[in-house]
């Protein structure tokens, strides 16, 4: 946890900025450390340890605003840095819309840092041997299960890491917020060769608790995914039902969140302009922001301004319920402030207990997208084009692997064709989006 010395340093920086002539100030102190063990073909390949501390200041002086950061934490360096930062801020053109958030909107419940139980206390007791053991635990390179004839594993690259991230926010209005979390991560990429062609796939797991991490599943899942790609090819262009696996389904949610951000709206760079309160999506779609789920990664009690997060609908029964508006954009656009961004987006399932297999059976026939290869979404129009990998399925069963095709369309049109959503969002992901199914989607070779 952040030491008393670090807490005092942050408080001292706030006072230095005010003494140097700032009218208002926000101080953010971030500290992180990570231990990583990388393996190659069941042998340790690389071991690293990284520690980092940084201090950022948002300075409001004479009607002007400046943002500055440093990683030099000794008192003399900080005093010189802060004095220069305040002086430089006064040279910037005034911006009357810049301000700290109103104290009443700010978080008052994050005083210890671990209110959401995101810290595994056992991490501090891990030694190098245990980390190496964890890194090797999931490897299957020396014990590969039976593979199709002519197929062999040619490489297995894996990484285990454990990290601690801590953040402290202070401002001259009396704000004090602390956030701490641990993360344990394991990921594997396996490459197989079959008749001279190579196929690779990746799988990963993450948890705030080491006991919940499942490295032993990752290599097997990555291997299974790679083998299933053997013989993949294009289909003829056409319109198909599309099932999007929960591993990649956030690809169609992230553009919605960006389009609802005030920065995009203010710049007319959003396909959801003037959408608040309008039914632009099917009634079956409800997307919530659930930022306070205990023990789950990405949960947080406050945003980067210190504004308290809260559970609320983003899209409710197809109606746009919220824009993401920080203090600055609120004043600039004359809109009520909310939070700066969605913290933990959660899509409510249309069928409780439905897995991806259930969704495939429900839809019957189409293309099951399991990965994306490049592409983009136009932020103004919502038009998208993504390269895909996956499978053609019929009668709910995957028939043959597919690759080298483009999935194209428009975000609003796509969501209007939502057939069903499952109940299989992965809890380790930042956005809890289940397997999705859409009708009549364009796929081209």
Protein backbone atom coordinates (compact mmCIF):
# COMPACT_ATOMS: atom_id res chain seq x y z
CA UNK A 1 0.00 0.00 0.00
CA UNK A 2 1.08 3.62 -0.43
CA UNK A 3 3.37 4.60 2.40
CA UNK A 4 2.85 7.51 4.77
CA UNK A 5 5.81 9.18 3.10
CA UNK A 6 4.14 8.97 -0.33
CA UNK A 7 0.87 10.30 1.06
CA UNK A 8 2.70 13.22 2.67
CA UNK A 9 4.58 13.89 -0.58
CA UNK A 10 1.32 14.21 -2.51
CA UNK A 11 -0.16 16.54 0.12
CA UNK A 12 3.02 18.60 0.11
CA UNK A 13 2.83 18.96 -3.70
CA UNK A 14 -0.70 20.32 -3.44
CA UNK A 15 0.44 22.89 -0.88
CA UNK A 16 3.49 23.80 -2.99
CA UNK A 17 1.27 24.52 -5.99
CA UNK A 18 -1.03 26.76 -3.98
CA UNK A 19 1.95 28.55 -2.42
CA UNK A 20 3.39 29.09 -5.93
CA UNK A 21 0.23 30.93 -6.98
CA UNK A 22 -2.20 28.30 -8.26
CA UNK A 23 -5.86 29.08 -7.57
CA UNK A 24 -6.86 25.42 -7.53
CA UNK A 25 -4.98 22.17 -8.03
CA UNK A 26 -5.48 18.43 -8.32
CA UNK A 27 -2.67 15.99 -7.53
CA UNK A 28 -2.65 12.39 -8.75
CA UNK A 29 -0.02 9.98 -7.47
CA UNK A 30 0.22 6.63 -9.27
CA UNK A 31 2.41 3.74 -8.23
CA UNK A 32 2.72 0.34 -9.91
CA UNK A 33 4.90 -2.73 -9.77
CA UNK A 34 4.88 -5.85 -11.92
CA UNK A 35 6.69 -9.18 -11.88
CA UNK A 36 6.65 -11.13 -15.15
CA UNK A 37 7.90 -14.55 -16.17
CA UNK A 38 7.82 -15.43 -19.87
CA UNK A 39 8.25 -19.00 -21.08
CA UNK A 40 9.03 -20.50 -24.46
CA UNK A 41 8.30 -24.17 -25.11
CA UNK A 42 8.05 -25.01 -21.40
CA UNK A 43 11.30 -23.25 -20.47
CA UNK A 44 11.81 -19.92 -18.75
CA UNK A 45 12.67 -17.38 -21.41
CA UNK A 46 12.57 -14.01 -19.61
CA UNK A 47 12.08 -12.66 -16.10
CA UNK A 48 11.38 -8.97 -15.44
CA UNK A 49 10.42 -6.74 -12.58
CA UNK A 50 9.17 -3.19 -13.15
CA UNK A 51 8.36 -0.51 -10.61
CA UNK A 52 7.08 2.93 -11.50
CA UNK A 53 5.84 6.02 -9.70
CA UNK A 54 4.51 9.18 -11.26
CA UNK A 55 2.93 12.36 -10.04
CA UNK A 56 0.52 14.43 -12.14
CA UNK A 57 -0.82 17.90 -11.46
CA UNK A 58 -3.84 19.69 -12.88
CA UNK A 59 -3.19 23.37 -12.22
CA UNK A 60 -5.78 26.17 -12.43
CA UNK A 61 -4.14 29.60 -12.28
CA UNK A 62 -5.36 33.01 -13.42
CA UNK A 63 -8.15 31.50 -15.51
CA UNK A 64 -5.75 29.19 -17.33
CA UNK A 65 -5.25 25.43 -17.05
CA UNK A 66 -2.17 23.23 -17.35
CA UNK A 67 -1.50 19.52 -16.91
CA UNK A 68 1.96 18.31 -15.88
CA UNK A 69 3.62 15.09 -14.73
CA UNK A 70 6.94 13.93 -13.32
CA UNK A 71 8.57 10.86 -11.84
CA UNK A 72 11.22 12.75 -9.85
CA UNK A 73 9.96 12.55 -6.30
CA UNK A 74 12.66 14.25 -4.22
CA UNK A 75 11.60 17.47 -2.54
CA UNK A 76 13.98 19.80 -4.36
CA UNK A 77 13.00 18.49 -7.81
CA UNK A 78 9.30 18.68 -6.99
CA UNK A 79 9.52 22.23 -5.71
CA UNK A 80 11.29 23.43 -8.85
CA UNK A 81 8.96 21.43 -11.10
CA UNK A 82 5.78 22.75 -9.47
CA UNK A 83 6.97 26.36 -9.42
CA UNK A 84 7.75 26.20 -13.14
CA UNK A 85 4.43 24.45 -13.87
CA UNK A 86 2.41 27.21 -12.19
CA UNK A 87 4.38 29.89 -13.96
CA UNK A 88 3.91 28.19 -17.32
CA UNK A 89 0.18 27.73 -16.72
CA UNK A 90 -0.22 31.49 -16.33
CA UNK A 91 1.26 31.92 -19.84
CA UNK A 92 -1.44 29.73 -21.41
CA UNK A 93 -4.53 31.32 -22.94
CA UNK A 94 -7.39 31.48 -20.42
CA UNK A 95 -10.07 28.81 -20.55
CA UNK A 96 -13.00 29.75 -18.28
CA UNK A 97 -14.62 26.32 -18.57
CA UNK A 98 -11.78 24.55 -16.76
CA UNK A 99 -12.52 23.80 -13.10
CA UNK A 100 -12.46 21.14 -10.41
CA UNK A 101 -15.64 19.11 -9.96
CA UNK A 102 -18.14 20.25 -7.36
CA UNK A 103 -17.25 18.63 -3.99
CA UNK A 104 -20.76 17.19 -3.70
CA UNK A 105 -20.17 15.01 -6.79
CA UNK A 106 -16.89 13.61 -5.52
CA UNK A 107 -16.25 10.23 -3.94
CA UNK A 108 -16.12 10.09 -0.16
CA UNK A 109 -16.02 6.30 0.25
CA UNK A 110 -12.49 5.53 -1.00
CA UNK A 111 -10.42 6.39 2.03
CA UNK A 112 -8.52 3.12 2.48
CA UNK A 113 -8.06 2.05 -1.13
CA UNK A 114 -9.34 -1.52 -0.79
CA UNK A 115 -13.04 -0.96 -0.25
CA UNK A 116 -13.85 -3.12 -3.30
CA UNK A 117 -11.56 -5.95 -2.06
CA UNK A 118 -9.38 -5.85 -5.15
CA UNK A 119 -6.10 -6.53 -3.32
CA UNK A 120 -4.81 -10.05 -2.76
CA UNK A 121 -2.67 -9.79 0.40
CA UNK A 122 -0.86 -12.99 -0.53
CA UNK A 123 0.88 -11.34 -3.46
CA UNK A 124 3.41 -9.71 -1.13
CA UNK A 125 4.58 -13.16 0.01
CA UNK A 126 5.25 -14.62 -3.45
CA UNK A 127 8.88 -15.45 -4.16
CA UNK A 128 10.66 -15.94 -7.54
CA UNK A 129 10.35 -19.73 -7.38
CA UNK A 130 6.58 -19.52 -6.95
CA UNK A 131 6.27 -17.11 -9.86
CA UNK A 132 8.32 -19.38 -12.12
CA UNK A 133 6.22 -22.34 -11.03
CA UNK A 134 3.04 -20.42 -11.88
CA UNK A 135 4.46 -19.52 -15.30
CA UNK A 136 5.29 -23.15 -16.09
CA UNK A 137 2.12 -24.59 -14.62
CA UNK A 138 -0.03 -24.09 -17.68
CA UNK A 139 2.47 -25.28 -20.29
CA UNK A 140 1.55 -28.30 -22.42
CA UNK A 141 4.47 -28.21 -24.88
CA UNK A 142 6.03 -31.36 -23.38
CA UNK A 143 2.70 -33.14 -22.97
CA UNK A 144 0.65 -32.24 -26.03
CA UNK A 145 -2.60 -34.21 -26.31
CA UNK A 146 -3.35 -36.17 -29.52
CA UNK A 147 -3.61 -33.95 -32.60
CA UNK A 148 -5.03 -34.47 -36.08
CA UNK A 149 -2.78 -36.46 -38.44
CA UNK A 150 0.01 -34.32 -39.88
CA UNK A 151 -0.38 -31.62 -37.23
CA UNK A 152 2.23 -30.67 -34.63
CA UNK A 153 2.86 -27.89 -32.12
CA UNK A 154 5.87 -25.84 -33.17
CA UNK A 155 5.85 -23.19 -30.44
CA UNK A 156 4.21 -22.25 -27.19
CA UNK A 157 4.82 -18.75 -25.80
CA UNK A 158 3.35 -17.91 -22.43
CA UNK A 159 3.51 -15.14 -19.85
CA UNK A 160 2.61 -15.05 -16.19
CA UNK A 161 2.52 -11.71 -14.38
CA UNK A 162 1.34 -10.32 -11.09
CA UNK A 163 1.01 -6.61 -10.47
CA UNK A 164 -0.04 -4.03 -7.94
CA UNK A 165 -1.50 -0.68 -8.94
CA UNK A 166 -2.23 2.16 -6.52
CA UNK A 167 -3.62 5.62 -7.09
CA UNK A 168 -4.17 8.64 -4.84
CA UNK A 169 -6.20 11.75 -5.77
CA UNK A 170 -6.12 14.98 -3.80
CA UNK A 171 -7.49 18.39 -4.71
CA UNK A 172 -7.68 21.83 -3.16
CA UNK A 173 -11.43 21.41 -2.54
CA UNK A 174 -10.66 18.75 0.05
CA UNK A 175 -10.90 15.63 -2.11
CA UNK A 176 -8.99 12.54 -1.02
CA UNK A 177 -9.49 9.21 -2.83
CA UNK A 178 -7.41 6.04 -2.76
CA UNK A 179 -7.58 3.02 -5.06
CA UNK A 180 -5.53 -0.19 -4.87
CA UNK A 181 -5.75 -3.40 -6.86
CA UNK A 182 -3.75 -6.50 -7.63
CA UNK A 183 -3.90 -8.39 -10.90
CA UNK A 184 -2.72 -11.88 -11.80
CA UNK A 185 -2.53 -12.63 -15.52
CA UNK A 186 -1.63 -15.60 -17.67
CA UNK A 187 -1.70 -15.80 -21.46
CA UNK A 188 -0.54 -18.35 -24.03
CA UNK A 189 -0.02 -18.24 -27.77
CA UNK A 190 0.32 -21.62 -29.49
CA UNK A 191 1.34 -22.17 -33.10
CA UNK A 192 0.72 -25.43 -34.92
CA UNK A 193 1.83 -26.58 -38.36
CA UNK A 194 -0.29 -28.69 -40.68
CA UNK A 195 0.87 -29.61 -44.18
CA UNK A 196 3.24 -26.65 -44.29
CA UNK A 197 0.70 -24.07 -43.08
CA UNK A 198 0.90 -22.38 -39.70
CA UNK A 199 -2.04 -21.55 -37.45
CA UNK A 200 -1.78 -19.58 -34.23
CA UNK A 201 -4.20 -18.77 -31.46
CA UNK A 202 -4.13 -17.06 -28.08
CA UNK A 203 -6.02 -17.44 -24.81
CA UNK A 204 -5.66 -15.66 -21.49
CA UNK A 205 -7.04 -15.39 -17.99
CA UNK A 206 -6.90 -12.68 -15.34
CA UNK A 207 -8.05 -12.21 -11.77
CA UNK A 208 -7.52 -9.97 -8.77
CA UNK A 209 -6.86 -13.17 -6.78
CA UNK A 210 -4.13 -15.69 -7.54
CA UNK A 211 -6.33 -18.54 -6.33
CA UNK A 212 -8.88 -17.70 -9.05
CA UNK A 213 -6.36 -17.71 -11.92
CA UNK A 214 -6.60 -20.75 -14.22
CA UNK A 215 -3.30 -20.97 -16.18
CA UNK A 216 -3.77 -24.69 -16.78
CA UNK A 217 -6.75 -23.96 -19.05
CA UNK A 218 -5.08 -21.35 -21.23
CA UNK A 219 -2.67 -23.46 -23.28
CA UNK A 220 -5.26 -26.16 -23.89
CA UNK A 221 -7.81 -23.60 -25.07
CA UNK A 222 -5.23 -21.85 -27.26
CA UNK A 223 -4.24 -25.19 -28.79
CA UNK A 224 -7.85 -26.16 -29.45
CA UNK A 225 -8.52 -22.81 -31.14
CA UNK A 226 -5.39 -23.10 -33.32
CA UNK A 227 -6.20 -26.66 -34.43
CA UNK A 228 -9.77 -25.70 -35.33
CA UNK A 229 -8.40 -23.12 -37.80
CA UNK A 230 -6.77 -25.80 -39.95
CA UNK A 231 -8.05 -25.56 -43.51
CA UNK A 232 -9.77 -22.21 -43.01
CA UNK A 233 -10.77 -20.38 -46.18
CA UNK A 234 -13.12 -17.74 -47.52
CA UNK A 235 -16.79 -18.30 -48.20
CA UNK A 236 -18.61 -16.69 -51.09
CA UNK A 237 -19.74 -13.17 -50.26
CA UNK A 238 -23.26 -12.83 -48.96
CA UNK A 239 -25.54 -11.97 -46.07
CA UNK A 240 -25.47 -14.29 -43.07
CA UNK A 241 -26.58 -14.46 -39.49
CA UNK A 242 -23.58 -13.45 -37.38
CA UNK A 243 -22.78 -14.84 -33.93
CA UNK A 244 -20.05 -12.87 -32.16
CA UNK A 245 -18.20 -14.78 -29.44
CA UNK A 246 -18.07 -13.18 -25.99
CA UNK A 247 -14.26 -13.04 -26.26
CA UNK A 248 -14.56 -10.34 -28.93
CA UNK A 249 -18.13 -9.02 -28.59
CA UNK A 250 -16.96 -5.74 -27.02
CA UNK A 251 -15.83 -4.79 -30.56
CA UNK A 252 -19.43 -3.70 -31.14
CA UNK A 253 -19.90 -1.96 -27.78
CA UNK A 254 -16.76 0.18 -27.62
CA UNK A 255 -17.84 2.39 -30.58
CA UNK A 256 -21.14 3.09 -28.81
CA UNK A 257 -19.34 4.21 -25.66
CA UNK A 258 -16.95 6.43 -27.61
CA UNK A 259 -19.88 7.98 -29.48
CA UNK A 260 -21.58 8.83 -26.15
CA UNK A 261 -18.51 10.61 -24.80
CA UNK A 262 -18.86 14.39 -24.57
CA UNK A 263 -15.54 14.99 -26.34
CA UNK A 264 -16.87 13.20 -29.42
CA UNK A 265 -20.24 14.92 -29.18
CA UNK A 266 -18.75 18.38 -28.77
CA UNK A 267 -16.59 17.88 -31.87
CA UNK A 268 -19.53 16.55 -33.94
CA UNK A 269 -17.49 13.37 -34.21
CA UNK A 270 -20.19 10.95 -33.13
CA UNK A 271 -22.88 8.90 -34.87
CA UNK A 272 -24.96 9.29 -31.68
CA UNK A 273 -25.34 13.08 -31.80
CA UNK A 274 -28.49 14.33 -30.03
CA UNK A 275 -29.34 10.78 -29.01
CA UNK A 276 -30.06 11.28 -25.29
CA UNK A 277 -33.52 10.00 -24.43
CA UNK A 278 -34.11 8.56 -27.90
CA UNK A 279 -34.85 4.94 -28.76
CA UNK A 280 -32.13 4.19 -31.29
CA UNK A 281 -31.62 0.54 -30.33
CA UNK A 282 -33.93 -2.47 -29.99
CA UNK A 283 -35.98 -2.67 -26.80
CA UNK A 284 -34.12 -5.88 -25.97
CA UNK A 285 -30.83 -4.00 -25.47
CA UNK A 286 -29.89 -2.85 -21.97
CA UNK A 287 -26.31 -1.79 -21.24
CA UNK A 288 -25.47 -0.89 -17.65
CA UNK A 289 -22.46 0.70 -16.02
CA UNK A 290 -21.73 -1.41 -12.91
CA UNK A 291 -18.52 0.10 -11.49
CA UNK A 292 -18.61 -1.33 -7.97
CA UNK A 293 -18.51 -5.11 -8.42
CA UNK A 294 -16.33 -6.41 -5.55
CA UNK A 295 -13.18 -8.38 -6.38
CA UNK A 296 -13.52 -7.85 -10.14
CA UNK A 297 -10.92 -6.08 -12.27
CA UNK A 298 -11.71 -2.58 -13.52
CA UNK A 299 -14.15 -1.87 -10.69
CA UNK A 300 -13.54 1.56 -9.21
CA UNK A 301 -15.25 4.01 -6.87
CA UNK A 302 -14.15 7.20 -8.67
CA UNK A 303 -13.00 8.51 -12.05
CA UNK A 304 -9.83 10.48 -12.80
CA UNK A 305 -11.41 13.69 -11.47
CA UNK A 306 -12.44 11.99 -8.23
CA UNK A 307 -16.13 12.01 -9.17
CA UNK A 308 -18.01 9.13 -7.55
CA UNK A 309 -19.03 6.34 -9.90
CA UNK A 310 -22.48 4.79 -9.63
CA UNK A 311 -24.50 1.98 -11.13
CA UNK A 312 -26.73 3.36 -13.87
CA UNK A 313 -28.11 2.49 -17.32
CA UNK A 314 -26.17 3.62 -20.38
CA UNK A 315 -28.77 2.25 -22.76
CA UNK A 316 -32.01 1.06 -21.18
CA UNK A 317 -34.48 -0.99 -23.25
CA UNK A 318 -32.99 0.57 -26.36
CA UNK A 319 -33.16 4.17 -25.10
CA UNK A 320 -29.95 6.19 -24.71
CA UNK A 321 -29.87 7.10 -21.02
CA UNK A 322 -26.49 8.75 -20.47
CA UNK A 323 -23.69 10.75 -22.00
CA UNK A 324 -20.24 10.67 -20.38
CA UNK A 325 -19.53 14.27 -19.42
CA UNK A 326 -16.66 15.43 -17.25
CA UNK A 327 -16.54 18.82 -15.52
CA UNK A 328 -14.85 20.63 -18.39
CA UNK A 329 -17.20 19.37 -21.11
CA UNK A 330 -20.19 20.00 -18.85
CA UNK A 331 -19.35 23.69 -18.60
CA UNK A 332 -18.36 23.93 -22.25
CA UNK A 333 -21.53 22.26 -23.54
CA UNK A 334 -23.90 23.56 -20.82
CA UNK A 335 -24.92 20.03 -19.88
CA UNK A 336 -25.21 18.31 -16.51
CA UNK A 337 -21.98 16.46 -15.65
CA UNK A 338 -21.93 12.69 -15.15
CA UNK A 339 -18.66 10.69 -15.10
CA UNK A 340 -15.89 10.90 -17.66
CA UNK A 341 -16.40 7.38 -19.07
CA UNK A 342 -18.07 4.04 -18.48
CA UNK A 343 -16.17 2.19 -15.76
CA UNK A 344 -17.58 -1.34 -15.99
CA UNK A 345 -20.06 -1.78 -18.89
CA UNK A 346 -22.33 -4.80 -18.44
CA UNK A 347 -24.82 -5.98 -21.08
CA UNK A 348 -27.84 -7.74 -19.64
CA UNK A 349 -28.41 -11.16 -21.29
CA UNK A 350 -31.61 -11.90 -23.20
CA UNK A 351 -31.40 -15.57 -22.28
CA UNK A 352 -30.28 -16.50 -18.79
CA UNK A 353 -27.79 -19.35 -18.72
CA UNK A 354 -27.20 -19.30 -22.50
CA UNK A 355 -23.63 -20.18 -23.56
CA UNK A 356 -22.13 -19.59 -27.00
CA UNK A 357 -23.20 -23.15 -27.94
CA UNK A 358 -26.76 -22.36 -26.94
CA UNK A 359 -26.70 -19.19 -29.05
CA UNK A 360 -25.41 -21.14 -32.07
CA UNK A 361 -28.19 -23.69 -31.64
CA UNK A 362 -30.79 -20.94 -31.29
CA UNK A 363 -29.65 -19.13 -34.43
CA UNK A 364 -29.16 -22.31 -36.45
CA UNK A 365 -27.00 -21.20 -39.38
CA UNK A 366 -24.53 -18.43 -40.16
CA UNK A 367 -20.98 -17.30 -39.42
CA UNK A 368 -19.58 -17.61 -35.91
CA UNK A 369 -16.96 -14.85 -35.43
CA UNK A 370 -14.26 -15.80 -32.93
CA UNK A 371 -11.62 -13.17 -33.75
CA UNK A 372 -11.07 -9.91 -35.60
CA UNK A 373 -8.10 -8.98 -37.79
CA UNK A 374 -7.89 -5.23 -38.20
CA UNK A 375 -10.51 -2.90 -39.56
CA UNK A 376 -12.17 0.22 -38.22
CA UNK A 377 -15.41 2.00 -37.38
CA UNK A 378 -16.13 5.51 -38.70
CA UNK A 379 -16.87 7.59 -35.60
CA UNK A 380 -19.10 10.05 -37.54
CA UNK A 381 -21.27 7.63 -39.53
CA UNK A 382 -20.99 4.40 -37.52
CA UNK A 383 -19.99 2.47 -40.66
CA UNK A 384 -17.58 -0.38 -39.90
CA UNK A 385 -15.43 -2.90 -41.71
CA UNK A 386 -13.62 -5.64 -39.76
CA UNK A 387 -11.54 -8.60 -40.90
CA UNK A 388 -12.81 -11.77 -39.24
CA UNK A 389 -11.90 -15.34 -38.36
CA UNK A 390 -14.35 -17.97 -37.27
CA UNK A 391 -16.58 -20.75 -38.53
CA UNK A 392 -19.51 -21.38 -40.79
CA UNK A 393 -22.13 -23.16 -38.68
CA UNK A 394 -25.26 -25.08 -39.61
CA UNK A 395 -27.87 -26.67 -37.37
CA UNK A 396 -26.03 -25.06 -34.47
CA UNK A 397 -22.76 -26.92 -35.20
CA UNK A 398 -19.50 -25.49 -36.59
CA UNK A 399 -19.04 -27.01 -40.03
CA UNK A 400 -15.85 -25.42 -41.38
CA UNK A 401 -13.36 -22.71 -40.40
CA UNK A 402 -13.54 -19.32 -42.13
CA UNK A 403 -10.89 -16.62 -42.58
CA UNK A 404 -9.93 -13.83 -44.96
CA UNK A 405 -13.38 -12.22 -44.98
CA UNK A 406 -14.71 -8.77 -44.08
CA UNK A 407 -17.73 -8.10 -41.90
CA UNK A 408 -19.22 -4.73 -42.90
CA UNK A 409 -22.21 -2.62 -41.97
CA UNK A 410 -23.41 0.24 -39.79
CA UNK A 411 -23.50 0.15 -36.00
CA UNK A 412 -27.09 1.36 -35.66
CA UNK A 413 -28.34 -0.99 -38.38
CA UNK A 414 -26.42 -3.90 -36.88
CA UNK A 415 -27.85 -3.42 -33.39
CA UNK A 416 -31.36 -3.10 -34.82
CA UNK A 417 -30.92 -6.67 -36.09
CA UNK A 418 -30.00 -8.13 -32.68
CA UNK A 419 -31.45 -11.65 -32.41
CA UNK A 420 -30.26 -12.72 -28.98
CA UNK A 421 -27.50 -12.24 -26.40
CA UNK A 422 -26.15 -15.00 -24.19
CA UNK A 423 -25.14 -15.14 -20.56
CA UNK A 424 -21.46 -15.97 -20.91
CA UNK A 425 -19.52 -12.71 -20.47
CA UNK A 426 -16.04 -13.39 -19.10
CA UNK A 427 -15.68 -11.85 -15.66
CA UNK A 428 -12.00 -11.07 -16.23
CA UNK A 429 -12.72 -8.65 -19.08
CA UNK A 430 -13.11 -4.89 -18.72
CA UNK A 431 -16.46 -4.95 -20.54
CA UNK A 432 -18.87 -7.72 -19.59
CA UNK A 433 -20.41 -8.42 -22.99
CA UNK A 434 -21.87 -11.88 -23.74
CA UNK A 435 -22.06 -13.75 -27.03
CA UNK A 436 -24.20 -11.74 -29.47
CA UNK A 437 -26.20 -12.76 -32.52
CA UNK A 438 -27.34 -10.51 -35.39
CA UNK A 439 -29.34 -11.25 -38.52
CA UNK A 440 -28.65 -10.48 -42.18
CA UNK A 441 -25.07 -9.17 -41.89
CA UNK A 442 -22.79 -8.52 -44.89
CA UNK A 443 -19.70 -10.72 -45.23
CA UNK A 444 -17.44 -10.31 -48.24
CA UNK A 445 -14.49 -12.28 -49.55
